[in-house]
N, C-alpha and C. Protein backbone atom coordinates (compact mmCIF):
# COMPACT_ATOMS: atom_id res chain seq x y z
N MET A 1 -55.86 20.02 2.90
CA MET A 1 -56.51 20.04 3.97
C MET A 1 -56.92 21.07 4.89
N LEU A 2 -56.12 22.36 4.14
CA LEU A 2 -56.81 23.49 4.28
C LEU A 2 -58.33 23.51 4.42
N LEU A 3 -58.50 22.91 2.84
CA LEU A 3 -60.05 23.12 2.74
C LEU A 3 -60.95 22.31 3.37
N ALA A 4 -60.03 20.91 4.36
CA ALA A 4 -61.14 20.31 5.49
C ALA A 4 -61.85 21.38 6.53
N VAL A 5 -61.03 21.96 6.44
CA VAL A 5 -61.32 23.51 7.82
C VAL A 5 -62.83 23.63 7.61
N ILE A 6 -63.02 24.26 6.60
CA ILE A 6 -64.79 24.51 6.39
C ILE A 6 -65.48 23.92 6.77
N PRO A 7 -65.26 22.64 6.47
CA PRO A 7 -66.58 21.17 6.88
C PRO A 7 -66.65 21.01 8.17
N ILE A 8 -64.93 20.83 8.49
CA ILE A 8 -65.06 20.50 9.75
C ILE A 8 -65.37 21.81 10.97
N SER A 9 -65.17 22.65 10.38
CA SER A 9 -65.61 23.31 11.92
C SER A 9 -67.11 24.17 11.44
N GLU A 10 -67.62 24.02 10.26
CA GLU A 10 -69.04 24.47 10.26
C GLU A 10 -69.99 23.30 10.94
N TYR A 11 -69.30 21.57 10.80
CA TYR A 11 -69.94 20.42 11.77
C TYR A 11 -69.68 21.04 13.11
N MET A 12 -68.95 21.72 13.35
CA MET A 12 -68.72 22.20 15.24
C MET A 12 -69.10 23.23 15.17
N ALA A 13 -69.74 23.96 14.33
CA ALA A 13 -70.37 25.82 14.78
C ALA A 13 -71.33 25.21 15.62
N GLY A 14 -72.00 23.97 15.72
CA GLY A 14 -73.45 23.51 16.16
C GLY A 14 -73.08 24.39 17.96
N ASP A 15 -71.85 24.27 18.60
CA ASP A 15 -71.32 24.69 19.98
C ASP A 15 -71.52 26.12 19.43
N THR A 16 -72.13 26.72 19.58
CA THR A 16 -72.25 28.34 19.14
C THR A 16 -71.07 29.12 19.99
N GLN A 17 -71.04 28.33 21.39
CA GLN A 17 -70.69 29.35 22.84
C GLN A 17 -68.86 29.26 22.36
N ASN A 18 -68.64 27.75 21.40
CA ASN A 18 -66.90 27.74 21.09
C ASN A 18 -66.56 27.06 19.98
N SER A 19 -67.36 28.40 19.20
CA SER A 19 -67.22 28.04 17.61
C SER A 19 -65.80 28.64 17.53
N SER A 20 -65.81 30.06 17.40
CA SER A 20 -63.96 30.72 17.11
C SER A 20 -63.09 29.57 17.47
N SER A 21 -63.07 28.78 18.67
CA SER A 21 -61.49 28.07 19.61
C SER A 21 -61.80 26.65 18.67
N ASN A 22 -62.78 26.64 18.45
CA ASN A 22 -63.40 25.56 17.82
C ASN A 22 -62.41 25.24 16.30
N TYR A 23 -63.01 26.64 15.51
CA TYR A 23 -61.85 26.55 14.58
C TYR A 23 -60.59 26.44 14.68
N LEU A 24 -60.24 27.91 15.41
CA LEU A 24 -59.03 27.77 15.70
C LEU A 24 -57.99 25.88 15.63
N LEU A 25 -58.70 25.77 16.93
CA LEU A 25 -58.46 24.11 16.82
C LEU A 25 -57.95 23.41 15.66
N VAL A 26 -59.01 23.55 14.84
CA VAL A 26 -58.82 22.66 13.67
C VAL A 26 -57.90 23.08 12.80
N LEU A 27 -58.14 24.44 12.60
CA LEU A 27 -57.13 24.79 11.61
C LEU A 27 -55.55 24.62 12.10
N ILE A 28 -55.12 24.42 13.31
CA ILE A 28 -54.40 24.32 13.88
C ILE A 28 -53.91 22.86 13.82
N PHE A 29 -54.55 22.26 14.14
CA PHE A 29 -54.72 20.63 13.83
C PHE A 29 -54.22 20.31 12.15
N ASP A 30 -55.57 20.81 11.60
CA ASP A 30 -55.13 20.50 9.74
C ASP A 30 -53.55 20.76 9.42
N ILE A 31 -53.11 22.23 10.29
CA ILE A 31 -51.86 23.05 9.77
C ILE A 31 -50.46 21.78 10.22
N ALA A 32 -50.73 21.21 11.57
CA ALA A 32 -49.49 20.75 12.15
C ALA A 32 -49.83 18.91 11.41
N VAL A 33 -50.83 18.74 10.74
CA VAL A 33 -51.12 17.82 9.80
C VAL A 33 -50.42 17.19 8.72
N GLY A 34 -50.89 19.02 8.06
CA GLY A 34 -50.08 19.46 6.73
C GLY A 34 -48.45 18.84 6.98
N TYR A 35 -48.00 19.41 7.74
CA TYR A 35 -46.28 19.52 7.77
C TYR A 35 -46.05 17.83 8.33
N PHE A 36 -46.38 17.61 9.20
CA PHE A 36 -46.54 16.34 9.46
C PHE A 36 -46.12 15.35 8.12
N CYS A 37 -46.82 15.60 6.84
CA CYS A 37 -47.58 14.85 5.04
C CYS A 37 -46.41 15.27 4.96
N MET A 38 -45.86 16.73 5.17
CA MET A 38 -44.59 16.87 3.89
C MET A 38 -43.38 16.89 4.63
N TYR A 39 -43.32 16.47 6.15
CA TYR A 39 -41.93 15.94 6.45
C TYR A 39 -41.72 14.64 5.97
N ILE A 40 -42.90 13.55 6.41
CA ILE A 40 -42.74 12.09 5.92
C ILE A 40 -42.64 11.94 4.32
N ALA A 41 -43.12 12.97 3.60
CA ALA A 41 -42.91 12.99 2.19
C ALA A 41 -41.11 13.37 1.74
N ALA A 42 -40.60 14.62 2.51
CA ALA A 42 -39.14 14.56 2.10
C ALA A 42 -38.64 14.08 2.44
N LEU A 43 -39.06 13.20 3.80
CA LEU A 43 -37.90 12.11 4.35
C LEU A 43 -37.91 10.94 3.77
N LEU A 44 -38.89 10.90 2.92
CA LEU A 44 -38.92 9.34 1.64
C LEU A 44 -38.15 9.83 0.83
N LYS A 45 -38.63 11.02 0.02
CA LYS A 45 -37.64 11.57 -0.56
C LYS A 45 -35.64 11.28 -0.65
N PHE A 46 -35.81 11.91 0.78
CA PHE A 46 -34.40 12.19 1.44
C PHE A 46 -34.00 10.51 1.08
N ASN A 47 -34.27 9.67 1.36
CA ASN A 47 -34.28 8.53 1.48
C ASN A 47 -34.19 7.99 0.22
N VAL A 48 -34.81 8.40 -0.43
CA VAL A 48 -34.54 7.73 -1.61
C VAL A 48 -33.55 8.20 -2.95
N LEU A 49 -33.13 9.28 -2.27
CA LEU A 49 -31.70 10.09 -3.19
C LEU A 49 -30.62 9.71 -2.19
N ARG A 50 -30.52 9.00 -1.06
CA ARG A 50 -29.04 8.86 -0.72
C ARG A 50 -29.40 7.64 -0.84
N ARG A 51 -30.07 6.62 -1.33
CA ARG A 51 -30.18 5.15 -1.77
C ARG A 51 -29.55 5.83 -3.21
N LYS A 52 -29.64 6.62 -3.82
CA LYS A 52 -29.20 6.75 -5.38
C LYS A 52 -27.63 6.74 -4.98
N ASN A 53 -27.61 7.57 -4.31
CA ASN A 53 -26.15 8.63 -3.80
C ASN A 53 -25.17 7.23 -3.63
N GLN A 54 -25.71 6.39 -2.65
CA GLN A 54 -24.95 5.04 -2.31
C GLN A 54 -24.75 4.19 -2.90
N ALA A 55 -25.94 4.32 -4.15
CA ALA A 55 -25.33 3.35 -5.02
C ALA A 55 -24.10 4.04 -6.12
N LEU A 56 -24.03 5.34 -6.77
CA LEU A 56 -23.58 5.65 -7.22
C LEU A 56 -21.42 5.24 -6.78
N GLU A 57 -21.97 5.05 -5.63
CA GLU A 57 -20.40 5.64 -4.85
C GLU A 57 -20.09 4.62 -4.59
N ASN A 58 -21.01 3.57 -4.46
CA ASN A 58 -20.66 1.89 -5.08
C ASN A 58 -20.06 1.42 -6.32
N ALA A 59 -20.74 2.34 -6.63
CA ALA A 59 -20.32 1.71 -8.08
C ALA A 59 -18.73 2.53 -8.55
N LEU A 60 -18.34 3.55 -8.14
CA LEU A 60 -17.66 4.21 -7.99
C LEU A 60 -16.66 3.97 -7.58
N THR A 61 -17.05 3.12 -6.21
CA THR A 61 -15.54 2.79 -5.83
C THR A 61 -15.53 1.19 -6.45
N GLU A 62 -15.72 0.44 -7.12
CA GLU A 62 -15.55 -0.58 -7.01
C GLU A 62 -15.16 -0.39 -8.49
N LYS A 63 -14.96 0.89 -9.46
CA LYS A 63 -14.35 1.65 -10.56
C LYS A 63 -12.84 1.82 -10.00
N GLN A 64 -13.28 2.33 -9.22
CA GLN A 64 -11.45 3.01 -8.50
C GLN A 64 -11.08 1.26 -7.81
N GLN A 65 -10.94 0.53 -7.79
CA GLN A 65 -10.88 -0.58 -7.35
C GLN A 65 -10.01 -0.71 -8.40
N GLU A 66 -11.26 -1.70 -9.10
CA GLU A 66 -10.61 -1.97 -10.39
C GLU A 66 -9.79 -1.46 -11.11
N ASN A 67 -9.13 0.21 -11.23
CA ASN A 67 -8.21 0.44 -11.32
C ASN A 67 -7.05 0.43 -10.78
N VAL A 68 -7.27 0.45 -9.81
CA VAL A 68 -6.59 0.33 -8.58
C VAL A 68 -5.42 -1.26 -8.26
N ALA A 69 -6.29 -2.13 -8.93
CA ALA A 69 -6.06 -3.61 -9.06
C ALA A 69 -5.44 -3.55 -10.46
N ILE A 70 -5.57 -3.19 -11.38
CA ILE A 70 -4.69 -2.57 -12.92
C ILE A 70 -3.75 -2.79 -12.68
N LEU A 71 -3.68 -1.04 -12.17
CA LEU A 71 -2.33 -0.78 -11.60
C LEU A 71 -1.05 -1.09 -10.96
N LEU A 72 -1.88 -1.87 -9.38
CA LEU A 72 -0.99 -2.98 -8.76
C LEU A 72 -0.76 -4.28 -9.67
N GLU A 73 -1.30 -4.82 -10.57
CA GLU A 73 -0.76 -5.75 -11.37
C GLU A 73 -0.04 -5.27 -12.41
N HIS A 74 -0.36 -3.85 -13.17
CA HIS A 74 0.80 -4.15 -13.99
C HIS A 74 2.18 -3.24 -12.60
N GLN A 75 2.26 -2.88 -12.19
CA GLN A 75 3.90 -2.58 -11.02
C GLN A 75 4.34 -3.43 -10.51
N ASN A 76 3.15 -4.49 -10.15
CA ASN A 76 3.58 -5.88 -9.79
C ASN A 76 4.68 -6.79 -11.11
N GLU A 77 4.15 -6.37 -12.09
CA GLU A 77 4.54 -6.93 -13.01
C GLU A 77 5.87 -6.52 -13.62
N LYS A 78 5.85 -4.93 -13.45
CA LYS A 78 7.54 -4.22 -13.69
C LYS A 78 8.40 -4.90 -12.14
N GLN A 79 8.10 -4.91 -11.19
CA GLN A 79 8.98 -5.41 -10.13
C GLN A 79 8.98 -6.59 -10.41
N GLN A 80 8.85 -7.77 -11.21
CA GLN A 80 9.32 -9.03 -11.31
C GLN A 80 10.08 -8.97 -12.42
N ALA A 81 10.01 -8.14 -13.38
CA ALA A 81 10.49 -8.21 -14.29
C ALA A 81 12.18 -7.08 -13.82
N LEU A 82 11.94 -6.33 -12.78
CA LEU A 82 13.49 -5.89 -12.78
C LEU A 82 14.18 -6.84 -11.42
N GLN A 83 13.27 -7.47 -10.61
CA GLN A 83 13.66 -8.63 -9.88
C GLN A 83 14.45 -10.07 -10.58
N GLN A 84 13.81 -9.98 -11.96
CA GLN A 84 14.37 -11.20 -12.58
C GLN A 84 15.42 -10.11 -13.63
N ARG A 85 15.20 -9.19 -13.66
CA ARG A 85 16.93 -9.11 -14.65
C ARG A 85 18.22 -9.15 -12.89
N GLU A 86 17.81 -8.34 -12.74
CA GLU A 86 18.77 -8.18 -10.78
C GLU A 86 19.25 -9.46 -11.08
N PHE A 87 18.19 -10.68 -10.48
CA PHE A 87 19.17 -12.03 -10.09
C PHE A 87 19.92 -12.50 -11.71
N GLU A 88 19.41 -12.17 -12.21
CA GLU A 88 20.23 -13.06 -13.82
C GLU A 88 21.51 -12.44 -13.37
N TRP A 89 21.43 -11.03 -13.29
CA TRP A 89 23.20 -10.04 -13.14
C TRP A 89 23.87 -10.79 -11.78
N LEU A 90 23.34 -10.55 -10.53
CA LEU A 90 23.72 -11.33 -9.26
C LEU A 90 24.03 -12.36 -9.89
N ALA A 91 23.35 -13.04 -10.40
CA ALA A 91 23.77 -15.31 -10.18
C ALA A 91 24.71 -14.93 -11.29
N GLY A 92 24.68 -14.17 -12.31
CA GLY A 92 25.86 -14.04 -13.09
C GLY A 92 27.15 -13.85 -12.28
N LYS A 93 27.50 -12.96 -11.50
CA LYS A 93 27.97 -12.17 -10.78
C LYS A 93 29.21 -13.44 -9.94
N ILE A 94 28.19 -13.81 -9.28
CA ILE A 94 28.79 -14.83 -8.06
C ILE A 94 29.03 -16.32 -8.50
N LYS A 95 29.58 -16.89 -10.00
CA LYS A 95 29.70 -17.68 -10.31
C LYS A 95 30.96 -18.38 -9.69
N MET A 96 31.64 -17.59 -9.11
CA MET A 96 32.95 -17.84 -8.51
C MET A 96 32.74 -19.26 -7.73
N PHE A 97 31.48 -18.97 -6.55
CA PHE A 97 30.63 -20.16 -5.29
C PHE A 97 30.03 -21.01 -5.84
N THR A 98 30.50 -22.23 -5.04
CA THR A 98 29.96 -23.53 -5.52
C THR A 98 28.10 -23.36 -5.80
N GLU A 99 28.00 -24.71 -6.54
CA GLU A 99 26.54 -24.65 -7.00
C GLU A 99 25.70 -24.31 -6.07
N GLU A 100 26.59 -24.79 -4.78
CA GLU A 100 25.29 -25.19 -3.58
C GLU A 100 25.51 -23.27 -2.97
N GLU A 101 26.37 -23.11 -2.69
CA GLU A 101 26.14 -21.88 -2.46
C GLU A 101 25.62 -20.74 -2.83
N GLN A 102 26.01 -21.02 -4.87
CA GLN A 102 25.12 -19.94 -5.04
C GLN A 102 24.00 -19.96 -5.63
N GLU A 103 23.18 -21.16 -4.61
CA GLU A 103 21.88 -21.56 -4.47
C GLU A 103 21.33 -21.22 -3.30
N ALA A 104 22.44 -21.08 -2.33
CA ALA A 104 21.51 -20.87 -0.69
C ALA A 104 22.00 -19.05 -1.08
N ILE A 105 22.79 -18.54 -1.64
CA ILE A 105 22.66 -16.80 -1.88
C ILE A 105 21.46 -16.48 -2.47
N LEU A 106 21.19 -16.76 -3.85
CA LEU A 106 19.90 -16.95 -4.19
C LEU A 106 18.57 -16.67 -3.55
N ALA A 107 18.53 -17.63 -2.84
CA ALA A 107 17.31 -18.32 -1.81
C ALA A 107 17.75 -17.00 -1.18
N SER A 108 18.78 -16.87 0.13
CA SER A 108 18.72 -15.48 0.35
C SER A 108 17.92 -14.02 -0.20
N ALA A 109 18.72 -13.89 -1.34
CA ALA A 109 18.52 -12.51 -1.94
C ALA A 109 16.75 -12.97 -2.16
N LEU A 110 16.37 -13.77 -2.43
CA LEU A 110 14.73 -13.69 -3.00
C LEU A 110 13.68 -13.48 -1.64
N SER A 111 14.45 -14.10 -0.60
CA SER A 111 13.39 -14.00 0.75
C SER A 111 13.68 -12.18 0.68
N PHE A 112 14.78 -11.66 0.46
CA PHE A 112 15.05 -10.50 1.02
C PHE A 112 14.14 -9.42 -0.15
N ALA A 113 14.28 -9.57 -1.32
CA ALA A 113 13.59 -8.69 -2.55
C ALA A 113 12.52 -9.29 -2.20
N GLU A 114 11.92 -9.90 -1.81
CA GLU A 114 10.46 -10.04 -2.18
C GLU A 114 9.68 -9.96 -0.61
N HIS A 115 10.10 -10.55 0.21
CA HIS A 115 8.89 -9.88 1.60
C HIS A 115 9.96 -9.11 2.70
N ASP A 116 11.06 -8.85 2.05
CA ASP A 116 12.05 -7.96 2.83
C ASP A 116 12.76 -8.67 4.30
N LEU A 117 12.78 -9.98 4.08
CA LEU A 117 13.49 -10.85 5.25
C LEU A 117 14.72 -11.54 4.78
N ILE A 118 15.52 -11.23 5.72
CA ILE A 118 17.07 -11.41 6.04
C ILE A 118 17.38 -13.11 6.78
N VAL A 119 17.47 -13.90 5.70
CA VAL A 119 17.43 -15.19 6.19
C VAL A 119 18.57 -15.84 6.08
N ALA A 120 19.24 -15.92 7.34
CA ALA A 120 20.46 -16.38 6.68
C ALA A 120 20.77 -17.77 5.90
N PRO A 121 21.58 -17.92 4.95
CA PRO A 121 21.67 -19.51 4.06
C PRO A 121 21.81 -20.53 4.66
N SER A 122 21.46 -22.15 5.23
CA SER A 122 21.40 -22.75 5.34
C SER A 122 22.72 -23.76 5.35
N ILE A 123 24.26 -23.06 4.44
CA ILE A 123 25.04 -23.01 4.67
C ILE A 123 26.50 -22.17 4.98
N ASN A 124 27.22 -22.12 5.47
CA ASN A 124 28.52 -20.80 5.06
C ASN A 124 29.23 -20.60 4.08
N ILE A 125 28.56 -19.53 3.81
CA ILE A 125 29.64 -18.92 2.67
C ILE A 125 31.18 -18.63 2.47
N GLN A 126 31.08 -19.37 2.28
CA GLN A 126 33.45 -19.37 2.09
C GLN A 126 33.99 -18.16 1.33
N PRO A 127 34.66 -17.40 2.49
CA PRO A 127 35.26 -16.51 0.96
C PRO A 127 35.98 -17.27 0.17
N LYS A 128 35.76 -15.96 -1.40
CA LYS A 128 36.42 -16.91 -2.20
C LYS A 128 38.09 -15.69 -2.86
N GLU A 129 38.38 -16.72 -3.07
CA GLU A 129 39.82 -15.47 -3.64
C GLU A 129 39.65 -14.75 -4.85
N THR A 130 38.64 -15.03 -5.76
CA THR A 130 38.12 -14.64 -6.91
C THR A 130 36.99 -13.26 -6.56
N CYS A 131 36.82 -13.58 -5.43
CA CYS A 131 35.59 -12.76 -5.27
C CYS A 131 36.03 -11.63 -4.15
N SER A 132 36.04 -10.69 -4.18
CA SER A 132 36.95 -9.77 -3.01
C SER A 132 35.54 -9.35 -2.09
N GLN A 133 35.78 -8.26 -1.30
CA GLN A 133 35.18 -7.80 -0.25
C GLN A 133 34.13 -6.84 -0.98
N GLN A 134 35.57 -5.88 -1.75
CA GLN A 134 34.79 -4.75 -2.75
C GLN A 134 33.77 -5.19 -3.65
N GLU A 135 34.43 -6.23 -4.62
CA GLU A 135 33.59 -7.02 -5.74
C GLU A 135 32.06 -7.53 -4.83
N LEU A 136 32.10 -7.99 -4.09
CA LEU A 136 30.70 -8.30 -3.26
C LEU A 136 30.13 -7.41 -2.99
N MET A 137 30.24 -6.26 -2.59
CA MET A 137 29.51 -5.70 -1.85
C MET A 137 28.82 -4.89 -3.26
N TYR A 138 29.63 -4.87 -4.09
CA TYR A 138 29.21 -3.86 -5.28
C TYR A 138 28.09 -4.63 -5.67
N PHE A 139 28.51 -5.73 -5.54
CA PHE A 139 27.28 -6.73 -6.87
C PHE A 139 26.19 -6.72 -5.74
N VAL A 140 25.95 -6.91 -4.69
CA VAL A 140 24.68 -7.20 -3.87
C VAL A 140 24.16 -5.67 -4.09
N CYS A 141 25.45 -4.27 -3.40
CA CYS A 141 24.49 -2.98 -3.64
C CYS A 141 23.55 -2.56 -4.94
N SER A 142 24.95 -3.26 -5.74
CA SER A 142 24.23 -2.64 -7.56
C SER A 142 22.96 -3.57 -7.74
N ALA A 143 22.49 -4.67 -6.94
CA ALA A 143 21.36 -5.00 -7.58
C ALA A 143 20.38 -4.66 -5.85
N PHE A 144 20.45 -4.54 -5.11
CA PHE A 144 19.87 -3.97 -4.40
C PHE A 144 19.02 -2.51 -4.24
N TYR A 145 20.02 -2.18 -4.97
CA TYR A 145 20.08 -0.24 -4.68
C TYR A 145 19.33 -0.19 -5.86
N ASN A 146 18.93 -0.81 -6.67
CA ASN A 146 17.99 -0.78 -8.25
C ASN A 146 16.49 -1.59 -7.84
N MET A 147 16.64 -2.08 -6.08
CA MET A 147 15.12 -2.75 -6.28
C MET A 147 14.60 -1.93 -4.72
N ASP A 148 15.45 -0.76 -4.20
CA ASP A 148 14.85 0.28 -3.85
C ASP A 148 14.86 0.00 -2.38
N LYS A 149 15.68 -1.02 -1.98
CA LYS A 149 16.15 -1.86 -0.57
C LYS A 149 17.26 0.17 -0.16
N SER A 150 16.74 0.21 1.28
CA SER A 150 17.35 0.94 1.87
C SER A 150 19.11 0.00 2.40
N ARG A 151 20.03 0.97 2.26
CA ARG A 151 21.23 0.97 2.52
C ARG A 151 21.84 0.08 4.02
N SER A 152 20.78 0.25 5.14
CA SER A 152 20.91 -0.78 6.05
C SER A 152 20.18 -1.55 6.17
N LYS A 153 19.37 -2.00 5.27
CA LYS A 153 19.14 -3.54 5.31
C LYS A 153 19.80 -4.39 4.64
N ILE A 154 20.91 -3.48 3.34
CA ILE A 154 21.67 -4.00 2.39
C ILE A 154 22.81 -4.37 3.52
N VAL A 155 23.51 -3.83 4.34
CA VAL A 155 24.08 -4.34 5.46
C VAL A 155 23.77 -5.50 6.12
N SER A 156 23.07 -5.10 6.49
CA SER A 156 22.46 -6.37 7.12
C SER A 156 22.46 -7.75 6.46
N PHE A 157 21.92 -7.66 5.17
CA PHE A 157 21.84 -8.66 4.80
C PHE A 157 23.15 -8.99 4.20
N LEU A 158 23.93 -8.13 3.75
CA LEU A 158 25.52 -9.13 3.56
C LEU A 158 26.22 -9.38 4.76
N TYR A 159 25.85 -8.85 5.75
CA TYR A 159 26.16 -9.66 7.09
C TYR A 159 26.15 -10.81 7.84
N LYS A 160 24.88 -10.63 7.49
CA LYS A 160 24.27 -12.50 7.69
C LYS A 160 24.23 -13.75 6.43
N VAL A 161 24.39 -13.01 5.12
CA VAL A 161 24.50 -14.10 4.31
C VAL A 161 25.99 -14.39 4.24
N PHE A 162 27.08 -13.04 4.05
CA PHE A 162 28.50 -13.60 4.07
C PHE A 162 29.03 -13.63 5.38
N PRO A 163 29.10 -13.67 7.16
CA PRO A 163 29.10 -13.49 7.64
C PRO A 163 30.86 -13.65 7.86
N LEU A 164 31.28 -14.67 7.06
CA LEU A 164 32.88 -15.19 7.15
C LEU A 164 33.57 -13.73 6.29
N TYR A 165 33.04 -13.43 4.85
CA TYR A 165 33.48 -12.17 4.26
C TYR A 165 33.66 -10.93 5.34
N PHE A 166 33.09 -11.07 6.21
CA PHE A 166 33.37 -9.65 7.04
C PHE A 166 33.25 -9.47 8.80
N PRO A 167 34.24 -10.20 9.02
CA PRO A 167 34.42 -10.92 10.52
C PRO A 167 34.47 -9.67 11.36
N ALA A 168 35.27 -8.25 10.97
CA ALA A 168 34.65 -6.52 11.52
C ALA A 168 33.91 -6.95 12.12
N GLY A 169 32.54 -7.00 11.82
CA GLY A 169 31.07 -7.32 12.52
C GLY A 169 30.34 -5.93 11.33
N GLU A 170 29.08 -5.71 11.64
CA GLU A 170 28.51 -4.99 10.95
C GLU A 170 28.20 -3.33 10.62
N SER A 171 29.07 -3.39 12.02
CA SER A 171 28.66 -1.39 11.82
C SER A 171 30.36 -1.13 11.70
N ALA A 172 31.06 -1.87 11.69
CA ALA A 172 32.23 -1.92 10.14
C ALA A 172 32.07 -1.84 8.90
N LEU A 173 31.17 -2.84 8.65
CA LEU A 173 30.91 -3.39 7.01
C LEU A 173 30.08 -1.91 6.93
N ALA A 174 29.07 -1.53 7.88
CA ALA A 174 28.18 0.04 7.61
C ALA A 174 29.30 0.98 7.29
N LYS A 175 30.55 1.48 8.10
CA LYS A 175 31.18 2.07 7.55
C LYS A 175 32.03 1.96 6.20
N LYS A 176 32.17 1.02 5.81
CA LYS A 176 32.75 1.01 4.04
C LYS A 176 31.41 0.82 3.21
N MET A 177 30.36 1.11 3.26
CA MET A 177 29.40 0.95 2.59
C MET A 177 29.51 1.81 1.51
N PRO A 178 28.84 2.00 0.52
CA PRO A 178 29.15 2.73 -0.50
C PRO A 178 27.75 3.81 -0.21
N GLY A 179 27.42 4.76 -0.48
CA GLY A 179 26.83 5.87 -0.07
C GLY A 179 25.71 5.10 -0.64
N LEU A 180 24.40 7.15 -0.78
CA LEU A 180 22.84 6.44 -0.51
C LEU A 180 22.54 6.23 -2.17
N GLU A 181 23.52 6.94 -2.86
CA GLU A 181 23.22 6.91 -4.76
C GLU A 181 23.07 5.35 -4.85
N LYS A 182 22.05 5.27 -6.02
CA LYS A 182 21.31 4.20 -6.33
C LYS A 182 22.49 3.58 -8.22
N ARG A 183 23.05 2.21 -7.89
CA ARG A 183 24.48 2.20 -8.70
C ARG A 183 23.30 1.58 -10.15
N LYS A 184 22.76 2.86 -11.19
CA LYS A 184 21.92 3.05 -12.23
C LYS A 184 23.14 2.49 -13.27
N GLY A 185 24.37 2.47 -13.35
CA GLY A 185 24.90 2.33 -14.07
C GLY A 185 26.16 1.48 -13.69
N LYS A 186 25.32 0.51 -12.79
CA LYS A 186 26.16 -0.59 -12.55
C LYS A 186 26.92 -1.92 -13.62
N LYS A 187 25.93 -1.86 -14.51
CA LYS A 187 26.32 -2.63 -15.82
C LYS A 187 27.74 -2.32 -16.44
N LYS A 188 28.37 -0.73 -16.11
CA LYS A 188 29.44 -0.59 -16.46
C LYS A 188 30.14 -1.53 -16.73
N THR A 189 32.11 -1.28 -16.86
CA THR A 189 32.84 -1.84 -16.64
C THR A 189 33.44 -1.43 -15.92
N HIS A 190 33.50 -0.32 -15.29
CA HIS A 190 34.38 0.38 -14.15
C HIS A 190 33.78 -0.37 -12.95
N PRO A 191 34.36 -0.92 -12.27
CA PRO A 191 33.74 -0.65 -10.58
C PRO A 191 34.06 0.56 -9.78
N VAL A 192 32.85 -0.09 -8.96
CA VAL A 192 32.78 1.40 -7.81
C VAL A 192 34.17 1.32 -6.40
N GLN A 193 34.23 2.55 -6.60
CA GLN A 193 34.98 2.17 -5.96
C GLN A 193 35.07 2.09 -4.34
N LEU A 194 35.55 0.91 -3.26
CA LEU A 194 34.28 0.93 -2.26
C LEU A 194 36.17 0.80 -1.55
N LYS A 195 36.17 1.05 0.10
CA LYS A 195 37.08 1.09 0.57
C LYS A 195 37.12 -0.63 1.09
N THR A 196 38.55 -1.65 1.46
CA THR A 196 38.26 -2.86 1.58
C THR A 196 38.60 -3.32 2.93
N LEU A 197 37.98 -4.39 3.36
CA LEU A 197 37.70 -4.14 4.98
C LEU A 197 38.94 -5.05 5.77
N THR A 198 39.54 -4.80 5.96
CA THR A 198 40.46 -5.60 6.96
C THR A 198 40.22 -6.70 7.92
N ILE A 199 40.49 -7.90 6.95
CA ILE A 199 40.36 -9.51 7.75
C ILE A 199 41.36 -9.51 9.04
């Protein structure tokens, strides 16, 4: 662009009165056009780099999503295996109830475990002499503490699913519930020492 100044200025030198100002105008115009061209070139290069970076970010994002999906799938498999073990254990502990009551209890427990929803069973669960309040709380707490359910949610589950077992109300049940520690050793023979509620 600077080389173009010489022939242009010579062409404009015919006007001897304004030759110097013409030369300066051509020089300024030439420099302005040169900077404009460099700006366009830099902008194009920036767009190319931005597209490359975007493509790289998209590839990394897809890879991260794949890794997260694999991790979630692995966690879901572990969670399902844990729930299966706990449900099998809980099912073995509530054999004193009728078959219909067992199905209703396990259906409510499944809804609570998978969706955190506390749904009352379709039938009333009748108290059994072979299953005290203490034992029932132990069974339910042991299973759901191992599924990382909160103490307050377990209290609500017990009261809604077994209202005839806890006529004193949910607040009284909450006071008699075991602490926040998880019952990792629940499969041992000695039971948890819980206070019984007065019916």
